[in-house]
Amino acid sequence: QGVLAWEGRATALVLDAGDDEERAQILDVFAHAHMKTGNGARAAAYLERKVVCLGACQRFRDQGWGMFQVATALQDADDFAGARTWSTKARDLAQKHAFFETECHACFQLARQDVREGREE
C-alpha cells in the first residue's frame, strides 16, 4: 500500500532512473503492489513496460518471465485473450533461447486457457 502512494510520481521515477535495468526494477515494484491489491489490469500495464526495458538490456530470460507475469496479471483481470497473447509471446521467446522453465510455465498456462475454453484435445 505504501508504494501505491507514490504512483502519481511513477512516470517521473521511471524517467529519472539511470538505465533500463533501474526502470525495470521500479516498474516491477508498482506491478507487484497492484497485484497484491487485486488490480491485475493495472499491474499488467506496468509489467508490459518492464518487459520492454528488459529487452533493451538483452535480459531475455527475465524478459520471458516478465511476459509470463503479464499473462498472469491479465488472466487475473479476466482478460483471457490478452493472457493468451502474452503466454504465446513468453513461450516463443523461451523456445528461441532454450529457457525450458519459462517455456513450461507458458505452455501450462496456454493449456489451462484451452481447457477453460472447452478445447481439451
Foldseek 3Di string as FASTA:
>chain_A
DVLVVCVVCLVVLLVPDPALVVNLVSLQVVLVVCVVVLQLVVSLVSLVSSLVSCVVVVVLLVSLVSLQSSLVSCVSVVNNVSSLVSLVVSLVSCVVVVVVVSNVSSVVSNQVSCVVVVNND
